[in-house]
Amino acid sequence: MKQALEEALQQALLTLLAEHPDASVPAVVLNRPKQKEHGDYAANVAMPLARILKRSPQQIAAAILETVVWPDAVEGAEIAGPGFINIRLKQASEATVLKTIIAAGEQYGRVDVAATAEKINLEFVSANPTGPMHVGHGRGAVVGDALANVLMAVGHDVQREYYINDAGAQIGVLTNSVWLRMQELQGESVEFPDGAYPGEYIIQIARELLLKHDYQALKAMDESGRLKAISQDAIDGNMTMIRDDLAAIGINFDFFFSEQDLHSSGRVTTLIEQLQADGVVYRGTLPPPKGKEVSDYRPVEQLLFRTTDFGDDVDRPLAKQDGTATYFAADIAYHFDKHQRGFDRMIDIWGADHGGYVKRVQAAMKALIHREAQPDVILVQMVNLTRDGKPVKMSKRAGTFVTLREVVDEVGSDAVRFNFMTRRVESQLDFDLEAAKKKNDENPVYYVQYAYARIQAILRKALDEGVDAELISGSDIANIDLSVLTAHEEQRLVSHMLAYPDTLKKAAERLEAYRVATYVMRLAADFHSFYHKNRVVSDDAALTAARVLLIRSVAQVISNGLSILGVSAPERM
């Protein structure tokens, strides 16, 4: 309906501007008035034309109403205020969407944007392969997975990617920690340095490596040879654990990219050479870090990237004093590799503590691929984990934090995923374990799932009470009279379901998947309000049929929204 109204107004604008071939025709965008007496839709299309047509907005609005050819569903339209056009629809005319919803099923809300579809690389989680995932990683994981679903729902081709940081000092610490545990398991006395990774997961990896390797042969090696021999196995052990943790909340990646492969293939060195050839690299020194007093600071000549020429605050080093590439060099080589793999767009989901890193990476990409604001970076704030309002202590498994898997095992994947999506990512999230397990309307996932389960229970009862089975199954809906759906609660549900495709579209455009969670919570609230004030099955056969179709549509849209969020829609609760 909204699209039909916008097209009608757009055609009227083209007619009015026929004598102004050089004028830009404004796009028509309809909005829902906050007050019902202002109509069902409102358009502000007259005001932008005032300067072009040299007439007042009210006069232009009047001319539009004289020109426009409305769809049959329009009852009338009038001018309000300085030139708004308020549109009123015939009673229950929008309810025809119910038949559309049932016909489309799981596809309702999804759109085909073939002309503007993009091939998108969506990188998220990318936790260091040195330990299990913590709750903060989990929030980024859920946000990334839901966003991928949103983008695919509006027609984009999305690849979920995980960047494995398997190069650098942390891998040496991991490998040494595993070796110390291997010695300990062999009955030897060992001393753990302060920097070693604690946690039971290191012991488990050590056990697995003892089954794979000859311990005495490893012990006879020099340190560098031994660490080289078990390093990849230690990384693989951690990545297996991370994959299992992700699978526990229903997340699977399309591609895992190894930082070590990036270095060993020579792509980092090649990139630096390319930047030198482009004249954006020079040897120079940097000032001391801002905001810090460094009494013994000594400037050292380094290989610097002229990122300030592309919007950064300071030029960035590409090589350390020993000549090895910096993390920044590897990171821009990685993003350049994404570009070379043919992605139209790159989206990264990082922890909020990486906010200072965004500008430099985008500056580098601007120099390399001549595009602004690439990658798009979404910064996800922390999760404050509590139990009955009190902070949760660290776990034995990780040794330093509460793992995501422990939370999932306690409250379930659905509760974790849905609760992580109830707030904007730039807001810190308070997650209470006991609240997430409650079976009442204080628990948002239970509240939404219960709406779906309640509808299924109503439909089962309707069938028991003799309502036509074909109506319940959806095979006989063509002749249902929807004009009987006149109650406020019914119209509110219809209006809300009409907004679902726009919700998905906005969520994709703004990279805000949380909008889907907010949407289904509001739809569930509208349904519960309807349920408490209206009977579905009554002696009025026409009204019963229409209401059965109404609640079946609600169930379908809730199910579709939960699917986007990676949350189940249970038939019984």
Protein backbone atom coordinates (compact mmCIF):
# COMPACT_ATOMS: atom_id res chain seq x y z
CA MET A 1 0.00 0.00 0.00
CA LYS A 2 2.73 2.46 0.95
CA GLN A 3 4.59 1.77 -2.27
CA ALA A 4 1.41 2.25 -4.34
CA LEU A 5 0.73 5.60 -2.66
CA GLU A 6 4.31 6.77 -3.17
CA GLU A 7 4.18 5.81 -6.85
CA ALA A 8 0.90 7.71 -7.30
CA LEU A 9 2.39 10.85 -5.76
CA GLN A 10 5.61 10.45 -7.73
CA GLN A 11 3.65 10.34 -10.97
CA ALA A 12 1.77 13.48 -9.96
CA LEU A 13 5.08 15.27 -9.35
CA LEU A 14 6.35 14.27 -12.78
CA THR A 15 3.22 15.76 -14.32
CA LEU A 16 3.57 19.02 -12.39
CA LEU A 17 7.24 19.34 -13.33
CA ALA A 18 6.75 18.54 -17.01
CA GLU A 19 7.33 22.21 -17.86
CA HIS A 20 10.55 22.26 -15.81
CA PRO A 21 12.74 19.66 -17.54
CA ASP A 22 15.88 20.77 -15.70
CA ALA A 23 14.30 20.45 -12.27
CA SER A 24 15.19 17.57 -9.99
CA VAL A 25 12.10 15.60 -9.00
CA PRO A 26 12.16 14.96 -5.23
CA ALA A 27 11.66 11.38 -4.09
CA VAL A 28 8.35 10.76 -2.33
CA VAL A 29 8.69 9.27 1.13
CA LEU A 30 5.55 8.64 3.17
CA ASN A 31 5.48 8.59 6.96
CA ARG A 32 2.99 7.38 9.52
CA PRO A 33 1.47 10.34 11.43
CA LYS A 34 1.82 10.04 15.19
CA GLN A 35 -1.84 11.03 15.64
CA LYS A 36 -4.53 8.91 13.94
CA GLU A 37 -6.68 11.99 13.17
CA HIS A 38 -3.92 13.14 10.81
CA GLY A 39 -4.61 10.19 8.54
CA ASP A 40 -2.89 6.92 7.76
CA TYR A 41 0.04 8.40 5.83
CA ALA A 42 1.55 11.87 5.45
CA ALA A 43 3.73 13.30 2.67
CA ASN A 44 5.95 16.38 2.64
CA VAL A 45 6.43 16.69 -1.12
CA ALA A 46 5.07 20.19 -1.70
CA MET A 47 7.63 22.18 0.30
CA PRO A 48 10.73 21.14 -1.69
CA LEU A 49 8.96 22.31 -4.88
CA ALA A 50 8.13 25.83 -3.71
CA ARG A 51 11.34 27.38 -5.03
CA ILE A 52 11.12 25.57 -8.36
CA LEU A 53 7.45 26.33 -9.07
CA LYS A 54 7.49 29.80 -7.47
CA ARG A 55 4.29 28.99 -5.57
CA SER A 56 3.40 28.42 -1.93
CA PRO A 57 3.56 24.85 -0.57
CA GLN A 58 -0.19 24.94 0.06
CA GLN A 59 -0.86 25.84 -3.60
CA ILE A 60 1.50 23.10 -4.77
CA ALA A 61 -0.16 20.56 -2.46
CA ALA A 62 -3.55 21.54 -3.89
CA ALA A 63 -2.22 21.06 -7.43
CA ILE A 64 -0.86 17.64 -6.48
CA LEU A 65 -4.25 16.57 -5.11
CA GLU A 66 -5.92 17.73 -8.33
CA THR A 67 -3.42 15.68 -10.38
CA VAL A 68 -2.83 12.50 -8.41
CA VAL A 69 -4.63 9.28 -9.28
CA TRP A 70 -5.02 7.39 -6.02
CA PRO A 71 -5.35 3.61 -5.64
CA ASP A 72 -8.88 2.41 -4.85
CA ALA A 73 -7.97 1.98 -1.19
CA VAL A 74 -7.72 5.74 -0.62
CA GLU A 75 -10.77 7.32 0.96
CA GLY A 76 -9.49 10.88 0.79
CA ALA A 77 -6.61 13.30 1.29
CA GLU A 78 -6.33 16.82 2.62
CA ILE A 79 -3.76 19.57 3.07
CA ALA A 80 -2.51 20.27 6.59
CA GLY A 81 -0.25 22.90 8.09
CA PRO A 82 2.28 24.54 5.76
CA GLY A 83 1.69 22.05 2.94
CA PHE A 84 1.61 18.50 4.26
CA ILE A 85 -0.64 16.02 2.46
CA ASN A 86 -2.47 13.70 4.83
CA ILE A 87 -3.89 10.54 3.27
CA ARG A 88 -6.80 8.56 4.70
CA LEU A 89 -7.49 4.97 3.65
CA LYS A 90 -10.79 3.13 3.49
CA GLN A 91 -11.78 1.06 6.49
CA ALA A 92 -9.62 -2.09 6.80
CA SER A 93 -8.13 -1.54 3.33
CA GLU A 94 -4.64 -2.26 4.60
CA ALA A 95 -5.73 -5.61 5.98
CA THR A 96 -5.19 -7.14 2.54
CA VAL A 97 -1.55 -7.43 3.62
CA LEU A 98 -2.62 -10.41 5.72
CA LYS A 99 -3.21 -12.48 2.60
CA THR A 100 0.13 -11.28 1.23
CA ILE A 101 1.90 -12.37 4.41
CA ILE A 102 0.41 -15.86 4.35
CA ALA A 103 1.16 -16.26 0.64
CA ALA A 104 4.77 -15.09 1.06
CA GLY A 105 5.39 -17.06 4.27
CA GLU A 106 9.06 -17.00 5.26
CA GLN A 107 9.79 -14.59 2.41
CA TYR A 108 7.53 -11.82 3.71
CA GLY A 109 9.58 -8.70 4.39
CA ARG A 110 12.46 -9.75 2.17
CA VAL A 111 13.04 -7.63 -0.91
CA ASP A 112 14.85 -8.05 -4.20
CA VAL A 113 17.36 -5.27 -4.77
CA ALA A 114 19.18 -6.86 -7.68
CA ALA A 115 20.00 -3.46 -9.20
CA THR A 116 21.72 -2.23 -6.04
CA ALA A 117 22.82 -5.50 -4.47
CA GLU A 118 26.40 -5.58 -3.23
CA LYS A 119 28.94 -8.29 -2.57
CA ILE A 120 29.76 -7.64 1.09
CA ASN A 121 32.57 -8.96 3.28
CA LEU A 122 31.35 -8.91 6.87
CA GLU A 123 34.15 -9.58 9.33
CA PHE A 124 33.27 -10.11 12.98
CA VAL A 125 34.47 -11.77 16.19
CA SER A 126 38.09 -12.34 15.01
CA ALA A 127 39.08 -13.10 18.61
CA ASN A 128 42.70 -14.04 19.19
CA PRO A 129 43.12 -17.84 19.03
CA THR A 130 44.62 -17.87 22.52
CA GLY A 131 41.60 -18.75 24.64
CA PRO A 132 37.83 -19.28 24.74
CA MET A 133 35.41 -16.58 23.70
CA HIS A 134 34.24 -14.23 26.43
CA VAL A 135 30.82 -12.60 26.71
CA GLY A 136 32.00 -9.44 24.96
CA HIS A 137 33.09 -11.47 21.95
CA GLY A 138 29.65 -13.08 22.04
CA ARG A 139 27.83 -9.79 21.67
CA GLY A 140 29.89 -8.89 18.60
CA ALA A 141 29.29 -12.38 17.22
CA VAL A 142 25.52 -12.15 17.60
CA VAL A 143 25.40 -8.62 16.17
CA GLY A 144 27.50 -9.70 13.18
CA ASP A 145 25.47 -12.80 12.45
CA ALA A 146 22.14 -10.97 12.70
CA LEU A 147 23.44 -8.14 10.51
CA ALA A 148 24.49 -10.69 7.89
CA ASN A 149 20.94 -12.07 7.94
CA VAL A 150 19.48 -8.57 7.59
CA LEU A 151 21.72 -7.69 4.64
CA MET A 152 20.91 -10.96 2.89
CA ALA A 153 17.19 -10.40 3.51
CA VAL A 154 17.36 -7.25 1.39
CA GLY A 155 19.24 -8.98 -1.41
CA HIS A 156 22.94 -8.53 -0.72
CA ASP A 157 25.55 -11.27 -1.16
CA VAL A 158 27.26 -11.54 2.23
CA GLN A 159 30.33 -13.51 3.26
CA ARG A 160 30.83 -14.01 7.00
CA GLU A 161 34.57 -13.88 7.68
CA TYR A 162 36.75 -14.53 10.72
CA TYR A 163 40.29 -13.12 10.80
CA ILE A 164 42.60 -15.41 12.77
CA ASN A 165 45.33 -13.39 14.52
CA ASP A 166 47.76 -16.32 14.41
CA ALA A 167 50.93 -14.22 14.13
CA GLY A 168 52.60 -12.14 16.81
CA ALA A 169 53.83 -12.35 20.37
CA GLN A 170 50.56 -13.72 21.79
CA ILE A 171 51.03 -16.95 19.84
CA GLY A 172 54.41 -17.46 21.49
CA VAL A 173 52.82 -16.95 24.91
CA LEU A 174 50.08 -19.45 24.05
CA THR A 175 52.52 -22.07 22.82
CA ASN A 176 54.77 -21.69 25.85
CA SER A 177 51.74 -21.96 28.17
CA VAL A 178 50.70 -25.21 26.50
CA TRP A 179 54.24 -26.61 26.74
CA LEU A 180 54.39 -25.82 30.46
CA ARG A 181 51.13 -27.70 30.97
CA MET A 182 52.44 -30.63 28.92
CA GLN A 183 55.44 -30.83 31.24
CA GLU A 184 53.19 -30.60 34.28
CA LEU A 185 51.00 -33.43 32.98
CA GLN A 186 54.15 -35.53 32.66
CA GLY A 187 54.80 -35.07 36.37
CA GLU A 188 57.48 -32.44 36.07
CA SER A 189 57.71 -29.41 38.34
CA VAL A 190 57.25 -26.19 36.41
CA GLU A 191 57.02 -22.51 37.24
CA PHE A 192 54.44 -20.44 35.40
CA PRO A 193 55.49 -16.91 34.48
CA ASP A 194 53.09 -14.03 35.11
CA GLY A 195 52.30 -13.68 31.41
CA ALA A 196 51.28 -17.31 30.88
CA TYR A 197 47.66 -18.02 29.96
CA PRO A 198 45.72 -19.56 32.87
CA GLY A 199 42.58 -21.61 32.60
CA GLU A 200 41.59 -25.24 32.24
CA TYR A 201 41.37 -25.00 28.45
CA ILE A 202 45.20 -24.87 28.25
CA ILE A 203 45.36 -28.17 30.14
CA GLN A 204 42.90 -29.75 27.71
CA ILE A 205 44.95 -28.62 24.70
CA ALA A 206 48.11 -29.95 26.40
CA ARG A 207 46.45 -33.35 26.85
CA GLU A 208 45.51 -33.47 23.17
CA LEU A 209 49.05 -32.56 22.09
CA LEU A 210 50.57 -35.25 24.30
CA LEU A 211 48.49 -37.81 22.40
CA LYS A 212 49.79 -36.45 19.10
CA HIS A 213 53.47 -35.75 19.82
CA ASP A 214 56.40 -37.71 21.24
CA TYR A 215 56.99 -35.85 24.51
CA GLN A 216 60.63 -36.93 24.88
CA ALA A 217 61.39 -35.86 21.33
CA LEU A 218 59.89 -32.44 22.02
CA LYS A 219 61.82 -32.13 25.25
CA ALA A 220 65.07 -32.85 23.44
CA MET A 221 64.50 -29.99 20.96
CA ASP A 222 65.79 -26.47 21.46
CA GLU A 223 63.12 -23.97 22.49
CA SER A 224 62.53 -22.42 19.07
CA GLY A 225 62.23 -25.82 17.38
CA ARG A 226 59.86 -27.11 20.03
CA LEU A 227 57.61 -24.08 19.93
CA LYS A 228 57.53 -24.26 16.15
CA ALA A 229 56.56 -27.94 16.33
CA ILE A 230 53.53 -27.41 18.59
CA SER A 231 52.51 -23.83 17.77
CA GLN A 232 50.04 -24.65 15.00
CA ASP A 233 48.50 -27.48 17.03
CA ALA A 234 47.96 -25.07 19.93
CA ILE A 235 46.28 -22.57 17.58
CA ASP A 236 44.16 -25.30 16.00
CA GLY A 237 43.10 -26.50 19.46
CA ASN A 238 41.92 -23.03 20.36
CA MET A 239 40.16 -22.49 17.05
CA THR A 240 38.31 -25.78 17.47
CA MET A 241 37.11 -24.53 20.86
CA ILE A 242 36.10 -21.15 19.38
CA ARG A 243 34.21 -22.83 16.53
CA ASP A 244 32.36 -24.99 19.05
CA ASP A 245 31.48 -21.93 21.15
CA LEU A 246 30.15 -20.14 18.06
CA ALA A 247 28.19 -23.20 16.95
CA ALA A 248 26.52 -23.27 20.37
CA ILE A 249 24.82 -19.97 19.47
CA GLY A 250 24.16 -20.98 15.88
CA ILE A 251 26.98 -19.06 14.18
CA ASN A 252 29.00 -20.50 11.33
CA PHE A 253 31.52 -18.60 9.24
CA ASP A 254 31.93 -18.88 5.49
CA PHE A 255 35.66 -18.19 5.58
CA PHE A 256 38.53 -18.15 8.08
CA PHE A 257 41.44 -15.94 7.04
CA SER A 258 44.89 -16.56 8.57
CA GLU A 259 47.15 -13.62 9.39
CA GLN A 260 50.13 -15.98 9.26
CA ASP A 261 49.24 -16.89 5.68
CA LEU A 262 49.15 -13.19 4.87
CA HIS A 263 52.75 -12.84 6.00
CA SER A 264 54.11 -16.11 4.62
CA SER A 265 52.60 -15.41 1.19
CA GLY A 266 54.50 -12.14 0.98
CA ARG A 267 51.37 -10.04 0.58
CA VAL A 268 52.34 -7.67 3.40
CA THR A 269 55.78 -7.03 1.91
CA THR A 270 54.29 -6.63 -1.55
CA LEU A 271 51.83 -4.06 -0.26
CA ILE A 272 54.55 -2.01 1.41
CA GLU A 273 56.53 -2.06 -1.84
CA GLN A 274 53.45 -0.90 -3.73
CA LEU A 275 52.93 1.99 -1.31
CA GLN A 276 56.57 2.99 -1.73
CA ALA A 277 56.15 2.97 -5.49
CA ASP A 278 53.03 5.14 -5.11
CA GLY A 279 55.05 7.71 -3.18
CA VAL A 280 52.94 7.57 -0.01
CA VAL A 281 55.70 6.07 2.18
CA TYR A 282 58.76 7.82 3.57
CA ARG A 283 61.40 7.39 6.25
CA GLY A 284 60.90 9.73 9.18
CA THR A 285 60.31 10.10 12.91
CA LEU A 286 57.12 10.52 14.89
CA PRO A 287 56.45 12.88 17.81
CA PRO A 288 55.88 11.36 21.27
CA PRO A 289 52.40 9.90 21.88
CA LYS A 290 49.72 12.49 22.58
CA GLY A 291 48.35 12.66 26.10
CA LYS A 292 51.38 10.93 27.62
CA GLU A 293 54.53 12.29 29.17
CA VAL A 294 57.49 10.24 27.99
CA SER A 295 60.57 11.64 29.70
CA ASP A 296 63.05 9.42 27.91
CA TYR A 297 61.38 9.56 24.49
CA ARG A 298 63.87 9.15 21.65
CA PRO A 299 62.61 9.59 18.12
CA VAL A 300 63.53 6.67 15.89
CA GLU A 301 63.51 6.82 12.13
CA GLN A 302 60.83 4.49 10.74
CA LEU A 303 59.10 3.63 7.50
CA LEU A 304 55.96 5.79 7.65
CA PHE A 305 52.73 5.78 5.65
CA ARG A 306 51.45 9.29 4.83
CA THR A 307 48.01 8.57 6.27
CA THR A 308 47.60 12.25 7.23
CA ASP A 309 47.20 12.96 3.51
CA PHE A 310 44.06 10.83 3.64
CA GLY A 311 42.38 12.02 6.84
CA ASP A 312 44.39 10.47 9.69
CA ASP A 313 45.75 12.41 12.69
CA VAL A 314 49.33 11.22 12.34
CA ASP A 315 51.39 9.21 9.88
CA ARG A 316 51.62 5.53 10.78
CA PRO A 317 54.65 3.20 10.86
CA LEU A 318 54.64 0.20 8.55
CA ALA A 319 57.74 -1.50 9.96
CA LYS A 320 59.24 -1.95 13.40
CA GLN A 321 62.84 -1.17 14.29
CA ASP A 322 63.84 -4.75 13.53
CA GLY A 323 62.39 -4.41 10.03
CA THR A 324 59.35 -6.65 10.55
CA ALA A 325 55.94 -5.39 9.52
CA THR A 326 53.72 -3.68 12.08
CA TYR A 327 50.25 -4.91 12.93
CA PHE A 328 48.91 -1.91 11.01
CA ALA A 329 50.77 -3.00 7.87
CA ALA A 330 49.29 -6.48 8.13
CA ASP A 331 45.83 -5.08 8.77
CA ILE A 332 45.78 -2.85 5.71
CA ALA A 333 47.22 -5.69 3.61
CA TYR A 334 44.34 -7.83 4.86
CA HIS A 335 41.72 -5.24 3.91
CA PHE A 336 43.36 -4.67 0.56
CA ASP A 337 43.15 -8.43 0.02
CA LYS A 338 39.38 -8.21 0.61
CA HIS A 339 39.19 -5.58 -2.10
CA GLN A 340 41.19 -7.77 -4.46
CA ARG A 341 38.81 -10.65 -3.79
CA GLY A 342 36.08 -8.58 -5.41
CA PHE A 343 34.03 -7.33 -2.50
CA ASP A 344 32.06 -4.16 -3.19
CA ARG A 345 31.91 -3.30 0.47
CA MET A 346 33.73 -4.20 3.68
CA ILE A 347 32.05 -4.13 7.09
CA ASP A 348 34.02 -4.82 10.27
CA ILE A 349 32.61 -5.34 13.76
CA TRP A 350 35.14 -4.43 16.46
CA GLY A 351 35.14 -3.95 20.19
CA ALA A 352 34.63 -0.38 21.38
CA ASP A 353 38.25 -0.27 22.60
CA HIS A 354 39.35 -0.22 18.93
CA GLY A 355 37.66 3.12 18.23
CA GLY A 356 40.97 4.94 17.82
CA TYR A 357 42.03 2.52 15.11
CA VAL A 358 39.19 3.24 12.70
CA LYS A 359 40.46 6.48 11.15
CA ARG A 360 43.90 5.12 10.29
CA VAL A 361 42.57 2.00 8.56
CA GLN A 362 40.04 4.01 6.58
CA ALA A 363 42.78 6.50 5.61
CA ALA A 364 44.93 3.63 4.34
CA MET A 365 42.07 2.19 2.33
CA LYS A 366 41.33 5.60 0.85
CA ALA A 367 44.93 5.73 -0.37
CA LEU A 368 44.81 2.19 -1.72
CA ILE A 369 41.36 1.83 -3.28
CA HIS A 370 40.26 5.49 -3.47
CA ARG A 371 37.05 4.96 -1.52
CA GLU A 372 35.75 6.84 1.50
CA ALA A 373 34.85 5.23 4.84
CA GLN A 374 35.98 1.73 3.97
CA PRO A 375 35.72 -0.47 5.85
CA ASP A 376 32.46 0.48 7.56
CA VAL A 377 33.27 -0.14 11.20
CA ILE A 378 30.70 -0.97 13.87
CA LEU A 379 32.02 -0.59 17.42
CA VAL A 380 30.33 -2.83 19.96
CA GLN A 381 30.28 -1.83 23.62
CA MET A 382 30.95 -4.13 26.55
CA VAL A 383 28.58 -6.52 28.30
CA ASN A 384 28.21 -6.21 32.06
CA LEU A 385 27.40 -9.72 33.27
CA THR A 386 25.47 -9.93 36.53
CA ARG A 387 23.47 -12.38 38.62
CA ASP A 388 20.58 -10.80 40.52
CA GLY A 389 22.28 -7.45 40.02
CA LYS A 390 25.70 -8.51 41.33
CA PRO A 391 28.79 -8.87 39.08
CA VAL A 392 29.58 -12.44 38.06
CA LYS A 393 33.03 -13.68 39.05
CA MET A 394 35.54 -15.03 36.55
CA SER A 395 35.34 -18.65 35.53
CA LYS A 396 37.70 -21.52 36.16
CA ARG A 397 37.62 -22.51 32.52
CA ALA A 398 39.11 -19.24 31.26
CA GLY A 399 40.85 -18.14 34.41
CA THR A 400 40.36 -14.42 33.81
CA PHE A 401 36.79 -13.92 32.55
CA VAL A 402 33.40 -15.58 32.13
CA THR A 403 33.24 -17.50 28.88
CA LEU A 404 30.44 -17.18 26.37
CA ARG A 405 29.90 -20.95 26.43
CA GLU A 406 29.23 -20.95 30.16
CA VAL A 407 26.54 -18.30 29.72
CA VAL A 408 24.96 -20.16 26.78
CA ASP A 409 24.97 -23.43 28.73
CA GLU A 410 23.19 -21.73 31.62
CA VAL A 411 20.51 -19.58 29.93
CA GLY A 412 20.33 -21.00 26.39
CA SER A 413 21.25 -19.72 22.95
CA ASP A 414 17.92 -17.95 22.35
CA ALA A 415 18.17 -15.87 25.52
CA VAL A 416 21.77 -14.90 24.76
CA ARG A 417 21.11 -13.97 21.15
CA PHE A 418 17.92 -12.02 21.74
CA ASN A 419 19.11 -10.12 24.81
CA PHE A 420 22.32 -9.13 23.03
CA MET A 421 20.17 -7.55 20.29
CA THR A 422 17.83 -5.49 22.46
CA ARG A 423 20.03 -2.38 22.59
CA ARG A 424 22.11 -0.32 20.20
CA VAL A 425 25.67 -1.59 19.95
CA GLU A 426 27.07 1.77 21.10
CA SER A 427 25.30 1.30 24.46
CA GLN A 428 26.75 -0.90 27.18
CA LEU A 429 24.57 -3.93 27.84
CA ASP A 430 23.64 -5.19 31.29
CA PHE A 431 22.94 -8.92 31.06
CA ASP A 432 21.54 -10.58 34.17
CA LEU A 433 21.70 -14.37 34.13
CA GLU A 434 18.71 -14.86 36.42
CA ALA A 435 16.53 -12.40 34.51
CA ALA A 436 17.40 -14.20 31.25
CA LYS A 437 15.94 -17.42 32.67
CA LYS A 438 12.63 -15.99 33.88
CA LYS A 439 9.43 -17.13 32.22
CA ASN A 440 7.57 -13.82 32.35
CA ASP A 441 7.24 -10.56 30.45
CA GLU A 442 10.38 -9.18 32.13
CA ASN A 443 12.39 -11.50 29.89
CA PRO A 444 12.16 -10.07 26.34
CA VAL A 445 12.88 -13.32 24.48
CA TYR A 446 10.28 -15.20 26.51
CA TYR A 447 7.76 -12.40 25.91
CA VAL A 448 8.17 -12.62 22.13
CA GLN A 449 8.38 -16.41 21.91
CA TYR A 450 5.32 -16.74 24.14
CA ALA A 451 3.32 -14.57 21.75
CA TYR A 452 4.15 -16.99 18.94
CA ALA A 453 3.44 -20.08 21.09
CA ARG A 454 0.16 -18.58 22.32
CA ILE A 455 -1.01 -18.09 18.73
CA GLN A 456 -0.22 -21.72 17.95
CA ALA A 457 -2.23 -22.75 21.01
CA ILE A 458 -5.19 -20.62 19.87
CA LEU A 459 -5.06 -22.20 16.41
CA ARG A 460 -4.99 -25.70 17.90
CA LYS A 461 -7.97 -24.85 20.09
CA ALA A 462 -9.82 -23.34 17.12
CA LEU A 463 -9.33 -26.57 15.23
CA ASP A 464 -10.71 -28.52 18.20
CA GLU A 465 -13.74 -26.21 18.29
CA GLY A 466 -14.59 -26.95 14.68
CA VAL A 467 -13.01 -24.07 12.79
CA ASP A 468 -12.34 -25.10 9.19
CA ALA A 469 -9.01 -26.94 9.01
CA GLU A 470 -8.25 -25.35 5.63
CA LEU A 471 -8.54 -21.91 7.21
CA ILE A 472 -6.13 -22.92 9.96
CA SER A 473 -3.63 -24.35 7.46
CA GLY A 474 -3.91 -21.37 5.16
CA SER A 475 -5.17 -23.08 2.03
CA ASP A 476 -8.53 -21.28 1.96
CA ILE A 477 -8.11 -17.57 2.59
CA ALA A 478 -8.99 -15.92 -0.72
CA ASN A 479 -12.61 -15.20 0.15
CA ILE A 480 -12.14 -14.07 3.76
CA ASP A 481 -13.85 -10.74 4.40
CA LEU A 482 -11.26 -8.51 6.08
CA SER A 483 -13.53 -5.47 6.38
CA VAL A 484 -14.77 -6.85 9.72
CA LEU A 485 -11.36 -6.15 11.31
CA THR A 486 -12.35 -2.76 12.69
CA ALA A 487 -11.18 -2.96 16.30
CA HIS A 488 -8.32 -0.64 17.28
CA GLU A 489 -6.13 -3.57 18.33
CA GLU A 490 -6.70 -5.30 14.99
CA GLN A 491 -5.84 -2.22 12.97
CA ARG A 492 -2.75 -1.66 15.08
CA LEU A 493 -1.52 -5.18 14.34
CA VAL A 494 -2.13 -4.74 10.62
CA SER A 495 -0.33 -1.40 10.59
CA HIS A 496 2.60 -2.88 12.47
CA MET A 497 2.95 -5.84 10.11
CA LEU A 498 2.88 -3.51 7.12
CA ALA A 499 5.98 -1.85 8.58
CA TYR A 500 8.08 -5.04 8.70
CA PRO A 501 9.63 -4.72 5.20
CA ASP A 502 10.58 -1.11 5.94
CA THR A 503 12.09 -2.21 9.24
CA LEU A 504 14.37 -4.67 7.45
CA LYS A 505 15.27 -2.06 4.85
CA LYS A 506 16.21 0.53 7.49
CA ALA A 507 18.13 -2.03 9.52
CA ALA A 508 20.19 -2.87 6.42
CA GLU A 509 20.73 0.74 5.33
CA ARG A 510 21.85 1.85 8.78
CA LEU A 511 23.61 -1.41 9.75
CA GLU A 512 21.38 -1.60 12.83
CA ALA A 513 20.14 -5.15 13.22
CA TYR A 514 18.81 -4.38 16.70
CA ARG A 515 15.83 -2.76 14.95
CA VAL A 516 14.47 -6.22 14.19
CA ALA A 517 14.51 -7.19 17.88
CA THR A 518 12.78 -3.93 18.80
CA TYR A 519 10.21 -4.56 16.07
CA VAL A 520 9.24 -8.08 17.17
CA MET A 521 8.99 -6.96 20.81
CA ARG A 522 6.50 -4.26 19.79
CA LEU A 523 4.57 -6.64 17.57
CA ALA A 524 4.38 -9.15 20.43
CA ALA A 525 3.11 -6.39 22.73
CA ASP A 526 0.44 -5.46 20.17
CA PHE A 527 -0.64 -9.10 19.94
CA HIS A 528 -0.84 -9.55 23.72
CA SER A 529 -2.98 -6.38 23.89
CA PHE A 530 -5.26 -7.77 21.15
CA TYR A 531 -5.51 -11.15 22.89
CA HIS A 532 -6.60 -9.69 26.23
CA LYS A 533 -9.42 -7.64 24.64
CA ASN A 534 -10.70 -9.82 21.78
CA ARG A 535 -11.80 -13.42 21.26
CA VAL A 536 -10.53 -15.10 18.12
CA VAL A 537 -13.13 -17.88 17.93
CA SER A 538 -16.73 -16.72 18.32
CA ASP A 539 -20.24 -17.37 16.97
CA ASP A 540 -19.56 -14.86 14.19
CA ALA A 541 -18.06 -17.06 11.46
CA ALA A 542 -16.85 -14.13 9.32
CA LEU A 543 -15.13 -12.43 12.24
CA THR A 544 -13.58 -15.74 13.37
CA ALA A 545 -12.14 -16.37 9.91
CA ALA A 546 -10.69 -12.86 9.69
CA ARG A 547 -9.16 -13.06 13.16
CA VAL A 548 -7.67 -16.48 12.49
CA LEU A 549 -6.00 -15.01 9.42
CA LEU A 550 -4.87 -12.01 11.49
CA ILE A 551 -3.14 -14.04 14.20
CA ARG A 552 -1.65 -16.47 11.70
CA SER A 553 -0.07 -13.46 9.99
CA VAL A 554 1.25 -12.18 13.32
CA ALA A 555 2.81 -15.56 14.01
CA GLN A 556 4.43 -15.61 10.57
CA VAL A 557 5.96 -12.14 10.96
CA ILE A 558 7.22 -12.90 14.49
CA SER A 559 8.76 -16.12 13.18
CA ASN A 560 10.39 -14.24 10.29
CA GLY A 561 11.85 -11.64 12.62
CA LEU A 562 13.15 -14.23 15.09
CA SER A 563 14.75 -16.11 12.20
CA ILE A 564 16.67 -12.98 11.23
CA LEU A 565 17.92 -12.77 14.82
CA GLY A 566 18.85 -16.46 14.87
CA VAL A 567 16.26 -17.20 17.57
CA SER A 568 13.77 -20.09 17.53
CA ALA A 569 9.97 -19.79 17.43
CA PRO A 570 8.68 -22.63 19.66
CA GLU A 571 5.22 -24.08 19.02
CA ARG A 572 4.63 -24.76 22.71
CA MET A 573 5.90 -23.15 25.91
